[in-house]
Amino acid sequence: MAYVYILRCSDDTLYTGWTYDIDKRIAAHNNGSG
């Protein structure tokens, strides 16, 4: 299943994207590697 997401970045901008692995994508965003 594909997921569409909106993430708030540390500078308060919003980033929209998609992924098949939402847990991996959120972890990458939170640790700064994605």
N, C-alpha and C. Protein backbone atom coordinates (compact mmCIF):
# COMPACT_ATOMS: atom_id res chain seq x y z
N MET A 1 0.84 -1.17 0.00
CA MET A 1 0.00 0.00 0.00
C MET A 1 0.89 1.24 0.00
N ALA A 2 0.51 2.22 -0.78
CA ALA A 2 1.26 3.48 -0.83
C ALA A 2 0.62 4.49 0.13
N TYR A 3 1.46 5.34 0.71
CA TYR A 3 1.01 6.38 1.64
C TYR A 3 1.43 7.74 1.10
N VAL A 4 0.55 8.72 1.22
CA VAL A 4 0.86 10.12 0.95
C VAL A 4 0.94 10.79 2.31
N TYR A 5 1.96 11.64 2.51
CA TYR A 5 2.15 12.25 3.82
C TYR A 5 2.54 13.71 3.69
N ILE A 6 2.31 14.45 4.75
CA ILE A 6 2.76 15.84 4.87
C ILE A 6 3.54 15.94 6.18
N LEU A 7 4.79 16.37 6.10
CA LEU A 7 5.65 16.49 7.27
C LEU A 7 5.97 17.95 7.52
N ARG A 8 6.00 18.34 8.79
CA ARG A 8 6.43 19.69 9.15
C ARG A 8 7.92 19.61 9.48
N CYS A 9 8.71 20.42 8.80
CA CYS A 9 10.16 20.44 8.99
C CYS A 9 10.54 21.37 10.13
N SER A 10 11.79 21.29 10.55
CA SER A 10 12.26 22.09 11.69
C SER A 10 12.17 23.59 11.43
N ASP A 11 12.20 24.00 10.15
CA ASP A 11 12.07 25.43 9.83
C ASP A 11 10.62 25.83 9.58
N ASP A 12 9.68 24.96 9.97
CA ASP A 12 8.24 25.17 9.87
C ASP A 12 7.69 25.09 8.45
N THR A 13 8.49 24.65 7.48
CA THR A 13 7.95 24.41 6.15
C THR A 13 7.27 23.04 6.14
N LEU A 14 6.43 22.82 5.14
CA LEU A 14 5.76 21.54 4.99
C LEU A 14 6.34 20.80 3.79
N TYR A 15 6.50 19.50 3.94
CA TYR A 15 7.02 18.65 2.87
C TYR A 15 5.98 17.58 2.59
N THR A 16 5.58 17.43 1.34
CA THR A 16 4.62 16.41 0.94
C THR A 16 5.33 15.37 0.10
N GLY A 17 5.04 14.11 0.35
CA GLY A 17 5.66 13.04 -0.41
C GLY A 17 4.83 11.78 -0.35
N TRP A 18 5.41 10.69 -0.82
CA TRP A 18 4.74 9.40 -0.78
C TRP A 18 5.76 8.31 -0.52
N THR A 19 5.30 7.19 0.02
CA THR A 19 6.18 6.06 0.32
C THR A 19 5.35 4.79 0.44
N TYR A 20 6.00 3.66 0.31
CA TYR A 20 5.37 2.38 0.58
C TYR A 20 5.63 1.94 2.02
N ASP A 21 6.64 2.51 2.68
CA ASP A 21 7.00 2.12 4.05
C ASP A 21 6.96 3.36 4.94
N ILE A 22 5.79 3.66 5.50
CA ILE A 22 5.60 4.91 6.24
C ILE A 22 6.45 4.96 7.51
N ASP A 23 6.60 3.85 8.21
CA ASP A 23 7.41 3.85 9.43
C ASP A 23 8.87 4.18 9.13
N LYS A 24 9.41 3.59 8.07
CA LYS A 24 10.80 3.87 7.67
C LYS A 24 10.95 5.33 7.23
N ARG A 25 9.96 5.85 6.53
CA ARG A 25 10.04 7.23 6.04
C ARG A 25 9.99 8.24 7.18
N ILE A 26 9.11 8.02 8.14
CA ILE A 26 9.03 8.92 9.30
C ILE A 26 10.32 8.88 10.10
N ALA A 27 10.89 7.68 10.28
CA ALA A 27 12.16 7.56 11.01
C ALA A 27 13.26 8.31 10.28
N ALA A 28 13.31 8.21 8.96
CA ALA A 28 14.33 8.91 8.18
C ALA A 28 14.16 10.42 8.32
N HIS A 29 12.94 10.90 8.30
CA HIS A 29 12.68 12.33 8.47
C HIS A 29 13.13 12.80 9.85
N ASN A 30 12.78 12.03 10.87
CA ASN A 30 13.09 12.43 12.24
C ASN A 30 14.57 12.41 12.56
N ASN A 31 15.34 11.53 11.90
CA ASN A 31 16.78 11.50 12.19
C ASN A 31 17.60 12.34 11.20
N GLY A 32 16.91 13.05 10.31
CA GLY A 32 17.57 13.98 9.40
C GLY A 32 18.19 13.36 8.17
N SER A 33 17.92 12.07 7.92
CA SER A 33 18.53 11.42 6.76
C SER A 33 17.58 11.32 5.57
N GLY A 34 16.43 11.93 5.65
CA GLY A 34 15.52 11.81 4.53
C GLY A 34 14.47 12.85 4.46
